[in-house]
Amino acid sequence: PPDKELRDNRLNQQRSKYWQLVDELTVDPHAAELGYDHDDHPLSDANDSKWAQHFEDEKLRENIQRDVSRTHPELHRLRPLEQPLARILFVHSKCHQKLGYKQGMNE
């Protein structure tokens, strides 16, 4: 929006929405609020296993990080942006699971 106040409000709303997505999409199988489930353990292959989701997300994060670290390695000023870029790509791929993450999306 051209109005600075409207633009700032919209930007704050979108940032809040983004950080909420980051929290929602980050699976921590150690979190106390999940409670202890004897059937959910690191070796579980159940579809609703928090551990299985955690390991799947870690593989996705590794793939993204591998590509992000290759993004214009000669431009050292981009290094501080690697973590935010990886986080954005993770959220995008989790929100658009049919598309997922594809090599080169970091460019």
PDB file of N, CA and C in Angstrom:
ATOM      1  N   PRO A   1       0.825  -1.205   0.000  1.00  0.00           N
ATOM      2  CA  PRO A   1       0.000   0.000   0.000  1.00  0.00           C
ATOM      3  C   PRO A   1       0.863   1.261   0.000  1.00  0.00           C
ATOM      4  N   PRO A   2       0.419   2.290  -0.692  1.00  0.00           N
ATOM      5  CA  PRO A   2       1.198   3.518  -0.760  1.00  0.00           C
ATOM      6  C   PRO A   2       1.271   4.255   0.583  1.00  0.00           C
ATOM      7  N   ASP A   3       0.247   4.118   1.413  1.00  0.00           N
ATOM      8  CA  ASP A   3       0.230   4.778   2.720  1.00  0.00           C
ATOM      9  C   ASP A   3       1.230   4.073   3.638  1.00  0.00           C
ATOM     10  N   LYS A   4       2.178   4.831   4.201  1.00  0.00           N
ATOM     11  CA  LYS A   4       3.245   4.243   5.026  1.00  0.00           C
ATOM     12  C   LYS A   4       2.693   3.481   6.225  1.00  0.00           C
ATOM     13  N   GLU A   5       1.685   4.025   6.873  1.00  0.00           N
ATOM     14  CA  GLU A   5       1.126   3.347   8.045  1.00  0.00           C
ATOM     15  C   GLU A   5       0.456   2.030   7.660  1.00  0.00           C
ATOM     16  N   LEU A   6      -0.292   2.041   6.570  1.00  0.00           N
ATOM     17  CA  LEU A   6      -0.915   0.803   6.086  1.00  0.00           C
ATOM     18  C   LEU A   6       0.141  -0.223   5.692  1.00  0.00           C
ATOM     19  N   ARG A   7       1.176   0.257   5.006  1.00  0.00           N
ATOM     20  CA  ARG A   7       2.264  -0.627   4.582  1.00  0.00           C
ATOM     21  C   ARG A   7       2.963  -1.242   5.781  1.00  0.00           C
ATOM     22  N   ASP A   8       3.256  -0.423   6.805  1.00  0.00           N
ATOM     23  CA  ASP A   8       3.922  -0.927   8.005  1.00  0.00           C
ATOM     24  C   ASP A   8       3.046  -1.941   8.733  1.00  0.00           C
ATOM     25  N   ASN A   9       1.755  -1.667   8.806  1.00  0.00           N
ATOM     26  CA  ASN A   9       0.839  -2.615   9.454  1.00  0.00           C
ATOM     27  C   ASN A   9       0.792  -3.934   8.700  1.00  0.00           C
ATOM     28  N   ARG A  10       0.702  -3.850   7.384  1.00  0.00           N
ATOM     29  CA  ARG A  10       0.656  -5.053   6.543  1.00  0.00           C
ATOM     30  C   ARG A  10       1.959  -5.847   6.679  1.00  0.00           C
ATOM     31  N   LEU A  11       3.076  -5.153   6.670  1.00  0.00           N
ATOM     32  CA  LEU A  11       4.369  -5.806   6.818  1.00  0.00           C
ATOM     33  C   LEU A  11       4.468  -6.514   8.165  1.00  0.00           C
ATOM     34  N   ASN A  12       4.027  -5.861   9.231  1.00  0.00           N
ATOM     35  CA  ASN A  12       4.043  -6.480  10.561  1.00  0.00           C
ATOM     36  C   ASN A  12       3.137  -7.701  10.623  1.00  0.00           C
ATOM     37  N   GLN A  13       1.981  -7.629   9.977  1.00  0.00           N
ATOM     38  CA  GLN A  13       1.078  -8.783   9.930  1.00  0.00           C
ATOM     39  C   GLN A  13       1.729  -9.963   9.207  1.00  0.00           C
ATOM     40  N   GLN A  14       2.355  -9.682   8.078  1.00  0.00           N
ATOM     41  CA  GLN A  14       2.990 -10.746   7.304  1.00  0.00           C
ATOM     42  C   GLN A  14       4.181 -11.353   8.034  1.00  0.00           C
ATOM     43  N   ARG A  15       4.949 -10.520   8.712  1.00  0.00           N
ATOM     44  CA  ARG A  15       6.078 -11.038   9.491  1.00  0.00           C
ATOM     45  C   ARG A  15       5.589 -11.916  10.631  1.00  0.00           C
ATOM     46  N   SER A  16       4.526 -11.484  11.287  1.00  0.00           N
ATOM     47  CA  SER A  16       3.952 -12.273  12.378  1.00  0.00           C
ATOM     48  C   SER A  16       3.447 -13.619  11.857  1.00  0.00           C
ATOM     49  N   LYS A  17       2.781 -13.598  10.714  1.00  0.00           N
ATOM     50  CA  LYS A  17       2.287 -14.823  10.090  1.00  0.00           C
ATOM     51  C   LYS A  17       3.450 -15.763   9.740  1.00  0.00           C
ATOM     52  N   TYR A  18       4.526 -15.194   9.200  1.00  0.00           N
ATOM     53  CA  TYR A  18       5.703 -15.994   8.845  1.00  0.00           C
ATOM     54  C   TYR A  18       6.290 -16.685  10.080  1.00  0.00           C
ATOM     55  N   TRP A  19       6.508 -15.933  11.156  1.00  0.00           N
ATOM     56  CA  TRP A  19       7.106 -16.523  12.355  1.00  0.00           C
ATOM     57  C   TRP A  19       6.174 -17.544  12.996  1.00  0.00           C
ATOM     58  N   GLN A  20       4.875 -17.356  12.851  1.00  0.00           N
ATOM     59  CA  GLN A  20       3.928 -18.353  13.341  1.00  0.00           C
ATOM     60  C   GLN A  20       4.078 -19.644  12.537  1.00  0.00           C
ATOM     61  N   LEU A  21       4.234 -19.516  11.224  1.00  0.00           N
ATOM     62  CA  LEU A  21       4.461 -20.698  10.383  1.00  0.00           C
ATOM     63  C   LEU A  21       5.760 -21.397  10.756  1.00  0.00           C
ATOM     64  N   VAL A  22       6.810 -20.633  11.003  1.00  0.00           N
ATOM     65  CA  VAL A  22       8.088 -21.227  11.410  1.00  0.00           C
ATOM     66  C   VAL A  22       7.876 -22.070  12.667  1.00  0.00           C
ATOM     67  N   ASP A  23       7.162 -21.523  13.645  1.00  0.00           N
ATOM     68  CA  ASP A  23       6.901 -22.264  14.883  1.00  0.00           C
ATOM     69  C   ASP A  23       6.051 -23.505  14.638  1.00  0.00           C
ATOM     70  N   GLU A  24       5.004 -23.371  13.839  1.00  0.00           N
ATOM     71  CA  GLU A  24       4.102 -24.492  13.576  1.00  0.00           C
ATOM     72  C   GLU A  24       4.781 -25.613  12.800  1.00  0.00           C
ATOM     73  N   LEU A  25       5.682 -25.263  11.906  1.00  0.00           N
ATOM     74  CA  LEU A  25       6.297 -26.259  11.025  1.00  0.00           C
ATOM     75  C   LEU A  25       7.560 -26.887  11.602  1.00  0.00           C
ATOM     76  N   THR A  26       8.010 -26.373  12.734  1.00  0.00           N
ATOM     77  CA  THR A  26       9.199 -26.934  13.370  1.00  0.00           C
ATOM     78  C   THR A  26       8.766 -28.007  14.359  1.00  0.00           C
ATOM     79  N   VAL A  27       9.066 -29.248  14.035  1.00  0.00           N
ATOM     80  CA  VAL A  27       8.691 -30.384  14.877  1.00  0.00           C
ATOM     81  C   VAL A  27       9.847 -30.704  15.810  1.00  0.00           C
ATOM     82  N   ASP A  28       9.578 -30.610  17.108  1.00  0.00           N
ATOM     83  CA  ASP A  28      10.580 -30.959  18.116  1.00  0.00           C
ATOM     84  C   ASP A  28      10.063 -32.151  18.907  1.00  0.00           C
ATOM     85  N   PRO A  29      10.564 -33.345  18.615  1.00  0.00           N
ATOM     86  CA  PRO A  29      10.056 -34.533  19.304  1.00  0.00           C
ATOM     87  C   PRO A  29      10.410 -34.556  20.790  1.00  0.00           C
ATOM     88  N   HIS A  30      11.313 -33.666  21.224  1.00  0.00           N
ATOM     89  CA  HIS A  30      11.692 -33.604  22.625  1.00  0.00           C
ATOM     90  C   HIS A  30      10.803 -32.667  23.437  1.00  0.00           C
ATOM     91  N   ALA A  31       9.947 -31.903  22.754  1.00  0.00           N
ATOM     92  CA  ALA A  31       9.139 -30.885  23.438  1.00  0.00           C
ATOM     93  C   ALA A  31       8.244 -31.510  24.500  1.00  0.00           C
ATOM     94  N   ALA A  32       8.270 -30.930  25.658  1.00  0.00           N
ATOM     95  CA  ALA A  32       7.512 -31.454  26.800  1.00  0.00           C
ATOM     96  C   ALA A  32       6.009 -31.420  26.550  1.00  0.00           C
ATOM     97  N   GLU A  33       5.521 -30.418  25.816  1.00  0.00           N
ATOM     98  CA  GLU A  33       4.079 -30.307  25.619  1.00  0.00           C
ATOM     99  C   GLU A  33       3.520 -31.420  24.736  1.00  0.00           C
ATOM    100  N   LEU A  34       4.365 -32.147  24.051  1.00  0.00           N
ATOM    101  CA  LEU A  34       3.890 -33.256  23.237  1.00  0.00           C
ATOM    102  C   LEU A  34       3.486 -34.452  24.095  1.00  0.00           C
ATOM    103  N   GLY A  35       3.992 -34.490  25.297  1.00  0.00           N
ATOM    104  CA  GLY A  35       3.688 -35.620  26.166  1.00  0.00           C
ATOM    105  C   GLY A  35       4.494 -36.838  25.763  1.00  0.00           C
ATOM    106  N   TYR A  36       4.526 -37.820  26.607  1.00  0.00           N
ATOM    107  CA  TYR A  36       5.294 -39.025  26.315  1.00  0.00           C
ATOM    108  C   TYR A  36       4.380 -40.073  25.723  1.00  0.00           C
ATOM    109  N   ASP A  37       4.743 -40.569  24.575  1.00  0.00           N
ATOM    110  CA  ASP A  37       3.975 -41.602  23.887  1.00  0.00           C
ATOM    111  C   ASP A  37       4.914 -42.792  23.684  1.00  0.00           C
ATOM    112  N   HIS A  38       4.570 -43.907  24.301  1.00  0.00           N
ATOM    113  CA  HIS A  38       5.427 -45.099  24.218  1.00  0.00           C
ATOM    114  C   HIS A  38       5.560 -45.618  22.782  1.00  0.00           C
ATOM    115  N   ASP A  39       4.554 -45.332  21.942  1.00  0.00           N
ATOM    116  CA  ASP A  39       4.595 -45.806  20.562  1.00  0.00           C
ATOM    117  C   ASP A  39       5.393 -44.877  19.645  1.00  0.00           C
ATOM    118  N   ASP A  40       5.657 -43.664  20.118  1.00  0.00           N
ATOM    119  CA  ASP A  40       6.409 -42.707  19.289  1.00  0.00           C
ATOM    120  C   ASP A  40       7.829 -42.599  19.821  1.00  0.00           C
ATOM    121  N   HIS A  41       8.747 -43.177  19.092  1.00  0.00           N
ATOM    122  CA  HIS A  41      10.147 -43.213  19.492  1.00  0.00           C
ATOM    123  C   HIS A  41      10.998 -43.006  18.243  1.00  0.00           C
ATOM    124  N   PRO A  42      12.285 -42.763  18.386  1.00  0.00           N
ATOM    125  CA  PRO A  42      13.129 -42.458  17.221  1.00  0.00           C
ATOM    126  C   PRO A  42      13.126 -43.510  16.113  1.00  0.00           C
ATOM    127  N   LEU A  43      12.795 -44.739  16.419  1.00  0.00           N
ATOM    128  CA  LEU A  43      12.784 -45.784  15.390  1.00  0.00           C
ATOM    129  C   LEU A  43      11.390 -46.043  14.826  1.00  0.00           C
ATOM    130  N   SER A  44      10.412 -45.295  15.276  1.00  0.00           N
ATOM    131  CA  SER A  44       9.034 -45.488  14.834  1.00  0.00           C
ATOM    132  C   SER A  44       8.891 -45.130  13.359  1.00  0.00           C
ATOM    133  N   ASP A  45       8.132 -45.947  12.630  1.00  0.00           N
ATOM    134  CA  ASP A  45       7.849 -45.637  11.229  1.00  0.00           C
ATOM    135  C   ASP A  45       6.372 -45.295  11.030  1.00  0.00           C
ATOM    136  N   ALA A  46       5.676 -45.010  12.141  1.00  0.00           N
ATOM    137  CA  ALA A  46       4.261 -44.633  12.065  1.00  0.00           C
ATOM    138  C   ALA A  46       4.101 -43.314  11.315  1.00  0.00           C
ATOM    139  N   ASN A  47       3.023 -43.201  10.555  1.00  0.00           N
ATOM    140  CA  ASN A  47       2.786 -41.993   9.756  1.00  0.00           C
ATOM    141  C   ASN A  47       2.656 -40.737  10.611  1.00  0.00           C
ATOM    142  N   ASP A  48       2.128 -40.864  11.821  1.00  0.00           N
ATOM    143  CA  ASP A  48       1.917 -39.694  12.680  1.00  0.00           C
ATOM    144  C   ASP A  48       3.029 -39.514  13.712  1.00  0.00           C
ATOM    145  N   SER A  49       4.145 -40.194  13.531  1.00  0.00           N
ATOM    146  CA  SER A  49       5.262 -40.106  14.466  1.00  0.00           C
ATOM    147  C   SER A  49       5.947 -38.748  14.385  1.00  0.00           C
ATOM    148  N   LYS A  50       6.060 -38.091  15.534  1.00  0.00           N
ATOM    149  CA  LYS A  50       6.787 -36.816  15.591  1.00  0.00           C
ATOM    150  C   LYS A  50       8.258 -37.036  15.262  1.00  0.00           C
ATOM    151  N   TRP A  51       8.792 -38.174  15.679  1.00  0.00           N
ATOM    152  CA  TRP A  51      10.195 -38.483  15.390  1.00  0.00           C
ATOM    153  C   TRP A  51      10.415 -38.663  13.897  1.00  0.00           C
ATOM    154  N   ALA A  52       9.526 -39.407  13.237  1.00  0.00           N
ATOM    155  CA  ALA A  52       9.664 -39.617  11.798  1.00  0.00           C
ATOM    156  C   ALA A  52       9.583 -38.281  11.067  1.00  0.00           C
ATOM    157  N   GLN A  53       8.655 -37.411  11.483  1.00  0.00           N
ATOM    158  CA  GLN A  53       8.532 -36.091  10.869  1.00  0.00           C
ATOM    159  C   GLN A  53       9.794 -35.264  11.102  1.00  0.00           C
ATOM    160  N   HIS A  54      10.335 -35.343  12.316  1.00  0.00           N
ATOM    161  CA  HIS A  54      11.555 -34.616  12.650  1.00  0.00           C
ATOM    162  C   HIS A  54      12.713 -35.044  11.743  1.00  0.00           C
ATOM    163  N   PHE A  55      12.893 -36.347  11.567  1.00  0.00           N
ATOM    164  CA  PHE A  55      13.985 -36.843  10.725  1.00  0.00           C
ATOM    165  C   PHE A  55      13.769 -36.478   9.253  1.00  0.00           C
ATOM    166  N   GLU A  56      12.522 -36.524   8.792  1.00  0.00           N
ATOM    167  CA  GLU A  56      12.209 -36.131   7.421  1.00  0.00           C
ATOM    168  C   GLU A  56      12.515 -34.639   7.215  1.00  0.00           C
ATOM    169  N   ASP A  57      12.142 -33.819   8.191  1.00  0.00           N
ATOM    170  CA  ASP A  57      12.418 -32.382   8.110  1.00  0.00           C
ATOM    171  C   ASP A  57      13.918 -32.107   8.126  1.00  0.00           C
ATOM    172  N   GLU A  58      14.658 -32.872   8.906  1.00  0.00           N
ATOM    173  CA  GLU A  58      16.113 -32.679   8.949  1.00  0.00           C
ATOM    174  C   GLU A  58      16.750 -32.986   7.593  1.00  0.00           C
ATOM    175  N   LYS A  59      16.265 -34.018   6.912  1.00  0.00           N
ATOM    176  CA  LYS A  59      16.778 -34.327   5.567  1.00  0.00           C
ATOM    177  C   LYS A  59      16.483 -33.174   4.613  1.00  0.00           C
ATOM    178  N   LEU A  60      15.270 -32.637   4.706  1.00  0.00           N
ATOM    179  CA  LEU A  60      14.902 -31.500   3.868  1.00  0.00           C
ATOM    180  C   LEU A  60      15.795 -30.306   4.160  1.00  0.00           C
ATOM    181  N   ARG A  61      16.006 -30.020   5.443  1.00  0.00           N
ATOM    182  CA  ARG A  61      16.869 -28.890   5.831  1.00  0.00           C
ATOM    183  C   ARG A  61      18.302 -29.087   5.317  1.00  0.00           C
ATOM    184  N   GLU A  62      18.805 -30.322   5.372  1.00  0.00           N
ATOM    185  CA  GLU A  62      20.154 -30.605   4.873  1.00  0.00           C
ATOM    186  C   GLU A  62      20.246 -30.349   3.369  1.00  0.00           C
ATOM    187  N   ASN A  63      19.235 -30.800   2.610  1.00  0.00           N
ATOM    188  CA  ASN A  63      19.235 -30.562   1.164  1.00  0.00           C
ATOM    189  C   ASN A  63      19.198 -29.073   0.854  1.00  0.00           C
ATOM    190  N   ILE A  64      18.354 -28.363   1.561  1.00  0.00           N
ATOM    191  CA  ILE A  64      18.251 -26.919   1.347  1.00  0.00           C
ATOM    192  C   ILE A  64      19.574 -26.247   1.702  1.00  0.00           C
ATOM    193  N   GLN A  65      20.135 -26.598   2.857  1.00  0.00           N
ATOM    194  CA  GLN A  65      21.385 -25.966   3.295  1.00  0.00           C
ATOM    195  C   GLN A  65      22.530 -26.249   2.326  1.00  0.00           C
ATOM    196  N   ARG A  66      22.559 -27.449   1.785  1.00  0.00           N
ATOM    197  CA  ARG A  66      23.600 -27.802   0.815  1.00  0.00           C
ATOM    198  C   ARG A  66      23.520 -26.866  -0.394  1.00  0.00           C
ATOM    199  N   ASP A  67      22.310 -26.633  -0.891  1.00  0.00           N
ATOM    200  CA  ASP A  67      22.144 -25.736  -2.037  1.00  0.00           C
ATOM    201  C   ASP A  67      22.403 -24.282  -1.666  1.00  0.00           C
ATOM    202  N   VAL A  68      21.911 -23.866  -0.523  1.00  0.00           N
ATOM    203  CA  VAL A  68      22.079 -22.471  -0.109  1.00  0.00           C
ATOM    204  C   VAL A  68      23.559 -22.137   0.050  1.00  0.00           C
ATOM    205  N   SER A  69      24.331 -23.061   0.592  1.00  0.00           N
ATOM    206  CA  SER A  69      25.759 -22.796   0.775  1.00  0.00           C
ATOM    207  C   SER A  69      26.493 -22.676  -0.560  1.00  0.00           C
ATOM    208  N   ARG A  70      25.894 -23.204  -1.630  1.00  0.00           N
ATOM    209  CA  ARG A  70      26.491 -23.100  -2.966  1.00  0.00           C
ATOM    210  C   ARG A  70      26.030 -21.847  -3.715  1.00  0.00           C
ATOM    211  N   THR A  71      25.119 -21.090  -3.120  1.00  0.00           N
ATOM    212  CA  THR A  71      24.580 -19.903  -3.792  1.00  0.00           C
ATOM    213  C   THR A  71      25.637 -18.821  -3.865  1.00  0.00           C
ATOM    214  N   HIS A  72      26.134 -18.575  -5.042  1.00  0.00           N
ATOM    215  CA  HIS A  72      27.139 -17.545  -5.291  1.00  0.00           C
ATOM    216  C   HIS A  72      28.225 -17.535  -4.205  1.00  0.00           C
ATOM    217  N   PRO A  73      29.008 -18.608  -4.093  1.00  0.00           N
ATOM    218  CA  PRO A  73      30.018 -18.681  -3.033  1.00  0.00           C
ATOM    219  C   PRO A  73      31.073 -17.575  -3.119  1.00  0.00           C
ATOM    220  N   GLU A  74      31.206 -16.969  -4.286  1.00  0.00           N
ATOM    221  CA  GLU A  74      32.188 -15.896  -4.430  1.00  0.00           C
ATOM    222  C   GLU A  74      31.714 -14.576  -3.812  1.00  0.00           C
ATOM    223  N   LEU A  75      30.432 -14.474  -3.502  1.00  0.00           N
ATOM    224  CA  LEU A  75      29.876 -13.247  -2.923  1.00  0.00           C
ATOM    225  C   LEU A  75      29.777 -13.408  -1.400  1.00  0.00           C
ATOM    226  N   HIS A  76      30.816 -13.014  -0.723  1.00  0.00           N
ATOM    227  CA  HIS A  76      30.880 -13.202   0.731  1.00  0.00           C
ATOM    228  C   HIS A  76      29.818 -12.399   1.474  1.00  0.00           C
ATOM    229  N   ARG A  77      29.327 -11.341   0.867  1.00  0.00           N
ATOM    230  CA  ARG A  77      28.304 -10.546   1.548  1.00  0.00           C
ATOM    231  C   ARG A  77      26.972 -11.297   1.662  1.00  0.00           C
ATOM    232  N   LEU A  78      26.815 -12.393   0.920  1.00  0.00           N
ATOM    233  CA  LEU A  78      25.590 -13.187   1.008  1.00  0.00           C
ATOM    234  C   LEU A  78      25.624 -14.200   2.158  1.00  0.00           C
ATOM    235  N   ARG A  79      26.793 -14.461   2.719  1.00  0.00           N
ATOM    236  CA  ARG A  79      26.905 -15.474   3.779  1.00  0.00           C
ATOM    237  C   ARG A  79      25.962 -15.228   4.960  1.00  0.00           C
ATOM    238  N   PRO A  80      25.793 -13.983   5.439  1.00  0.00           N
ATOM    239  CA  PRO A  80      24.875 -13.764   6.560  1.00  0.00           C
ATOM    240  C   PRO A  80      23.409 -14.061   6.209  1.00  0.00           C
ATOM    241  N   LEU A  81      23.109 -14.156   4.914  1.00  0.00           N
ATOM    242  CA  LEU A  81      21.732 -14.404   4.491  1.00  0.00           C
ATOM    243  C   LEU A  81      21.417 -15.888   4.300  1.00  0.00           C
ATOM    244  N   GLU A  82      22.416 -16.750   4.482  1.00  0.00           N
ATOM    245  CA  GLU A  82      22.198 -18.183   4.261  1.00  0.00           C
ATOM    246  C   GLU A  82      21.131 -18.764   5.190  1.00  0.00           C
ATOM    247  N   GLN A  83      21.228 -18.484   6.472  1.00  0.00           N
ATOM    248  CA  GLN A  83      20.265 -19.057   7.416  1.00  0.00           C
ATOM    249  C   GLN A  83      18.846 -18.563   7.158  1.00  0.00           C
ATOM    250  N   PRO A  84      18.630 -17.251   6.990  1.00  0.00           N
ATOM    251  CA  PRO A  84      17.263 -16.807   6.669  1.00  0.00           C
ATOM    252  C   PRO A  84      16.744 -17.393   5.353  1.00  0.00           C
ATOM    253  N   LEU A  85      17.601 -17.481   4.331  1.00  0.00           N
ATOM    254  CA  LEU A  85      17.179 -18.044   3.054  1.00  0.00           C
ATOM    255  C   LEU A  85      16.790 -19.509   3.219  1.00  0.00           C
ATOM    256  N   ALA A  86      17.586 -20.265   3.957  1.00  0.00           N
ATOM    257  CA  ALA A  86      17.278 -21.682   4.189  1.00  0.00           C
ATOM    258  C   ALA A  86      15.951 -21.828   4.938  1.00  0.00           C
ATOM    259  N   ARG A  87      15.720 -20.977   5.910  1.00  0.00           N
ATOM    260  CA  ARG A  87      14.472 -21.031   6.685  1.00  0.00           C
ATOM    261  C   ARG A  87      13.272 -20.701   5.795  1.00  0.00           C
ATOM    262  N   ILE A  88      13.409 -19.689   4.949  1.00  0.00           N
ATOM    263  CA  ILE A  88      12.324 -19.309   4.035  1.00  0.00           C
ATOM    264  C   ILE A  88      12.014 -20.454   3.074  1.00  0.00           C
ATOM    265  N   LEU A  89      13.046 -21.076   2.519  1.00  0.00           N
ATOM    266  CA  LEU A  89      12.842 -22.192   1.595  1.00  0.00           C
ATOM    267  C   LEU A  89      12.208 -23.394   2.297  1.00  0.00           C
ATOM    268  N   PHE A  90      12.581 -23.628   3.560  1.00  0.00           N
ATOM    269  CA  PHE A  90      11.979 -24.718   4.330  1.00  0.00           C
ATOM    270  C   PHE A  90      10.486 -24.462   4.523  1.00  0.00           C
ATOM    271  N   VAL A  91      10.148 -23.261   4.959  1.00  0.00           N
ATOM    272  CA  VAL A  91       8.728 -22.917   5.178  1.00  0.00           C
ATOM    273  C   VAL A  91       7.954 -23.025   3.869  1.00  0.00           C
ATOM    274  N   HIS A  92       8.528 -22.519   2.791  1.00  0.00           N
ATOM    275  CA  HIS A  92       7.851 -22.585   1.496  1.00  0.00           C
ATOM    276  C   HIS A  92       7.603 -24.034   1.086  1.00  0.00           C
ATOM    277  N   SER A  93       8.604 -24.874   1.229  1.00  0.00           N
ATOM    278  CA  SER A  93       8.448 -26.267   0.797  1.00  0.00           C
ATOM    279  C   SER A  93       7.460 -27.023   1.679  1.00  0.00           C
ATOM    280  N   LYS A  94       7.391 -26.687   2.953  1.00  0.00           N
ATOM    281  CA  LYS A  94       6.427 -27.337   3.843  1.00  0.00           C
ATOM    282  C   LYS A  94       5.000 -26.852   3.559  1.00  0.00           C
ATOM    283  N   CYS A  95       4.856 -25.587   3.178  1.00  0.00           N
ATOM    284  CA  CYS A  95       3.527 -25.031   2.878  1.00  0.00           C
ATOM    285  C   CYS A  95       3.033 -25.452   1.494  1.00  0.00           C
ATOM    286  N   HIS A  96       3.940 -25.827   0.615  1.00  0.00           N
ATOM    287  CA  HIS A  96       3.598 -26.238  -0.747  1.00  0.00           C
ATOM    288  C   HIS A  96       4.165 -27.637  -0.989  1.00  0.00           C
ATOM    289  N   GLN A  97       3.610 -28.607  -0.277  1.00  0.00           N
ATOM    290  CA  GLN A  97       4.190 -29.941  -0.279  1.00  0.00           C
ATOM    291  C   GLN A  97       4.102 -30.654  -1.620  1.00  0.00           C
ATOM    292  N   LYS A  98       3.122 -30.309  -2.453  1.00  0.00           N
ATOM    293  CA  LYS A  98       3.079 -30.934  -3.780  1.00  0.00           C
ATOM    294  C   LYS A  98       4.288 -30.525  -4.604  1.00  0.00           C
ATOM    295  N   LEU A  99       4.705 -29.296  -4.445  1.00  0.00           N
ATOM    296  CA  LEU A  99       5.902 -28.808  -5.129  1.00  0.00           C
ATOM    297  C   LEU A  99       7.152 -29.238  -4.377  1.00  0.00           C
ATOM    298  N   GLY A 100       7.137 -29.068  -3.044  1.00  0.00           N
ATOM    299  CA  GLY A 100       8.281 -29.438  -2.226  1.00  0.00           C
ATOM    300  C   GLY A 100       9.471 -28.529  -2.490  1.00  0.00           C
ATOM    301  N   TYR A 101      10.652 -29.051  -2.255  1.00  0.00           N
ATOM    302  CA  TYR A 101      11.877 -28.307  -2.534  1.00  0.00           C
ATOM    303  C   TYR A 101      12.592 -28.964  -3.702  1.00  0.00           C
ATOM    304  N   LYS A 102      13.003 -28.154  -4.619  1.00  0.00           N
ATOM    305  CA  LYS A 102      13.755 -28.642  -5.785  1.00  0.00           C
ATOM    306  C   LYS A 102      15.095 -27.914  -5.831  1.00  0.00           C
ATOM    307  N   GLN A 103      16.109 -28.645  -6.215  1.00  0.00           N
ATOM    308  CA  GLN A 103      17.442 -28.043  -6.320  1.00  0.00           C
ATOM    309  C   GLN A 103      17.379 -26.842  -7.254  1.00  0.00           C
ATOM    310  N   GLY A 104      17.982 -25.753  -6.831  1.00  0.00           N
ATOM    311  CA  GLY A 104      18.009 -24.546  -7.636  1.00  0.00           C
ATOM    312  C   GLY A 104      17.000 -23.501  -7.207  1.00  0.00           C
ATOM    313  N   MET A 105      16.078 -23.858  -6.296  1.00  0.00           N
ATOM    314  CA  MET A 105      15.096 -22.871  -5.834  1.00  0.00           C
ATOM    315  C   MET A 105      15.767 -21.751  -5.050  1.00  0.00           C
ATOM    316  N   ASN A 106      16.980 -21.979  -4.613  1.00  0.00           N
ATOM    317  CA  ASN A 106      17.718 -20.988  -3.836  1.00  0.00           C
ATOM    318  C   ASN A 106      18.256 -19.850  -4.684  1.00  0.00           C
ATOM    319  N   GLU A 107      18.205 -19.988  -5.993  1.00  0.00           N
ATOM    320  CA  GLU A 107      18.823 -18.967  -6.856  1.00  0.00           C
ATOM    321  C   GLU A 107      17.871 -17.921  -7.306  1.00  0.00           C
TER     322      GLU A 107
END
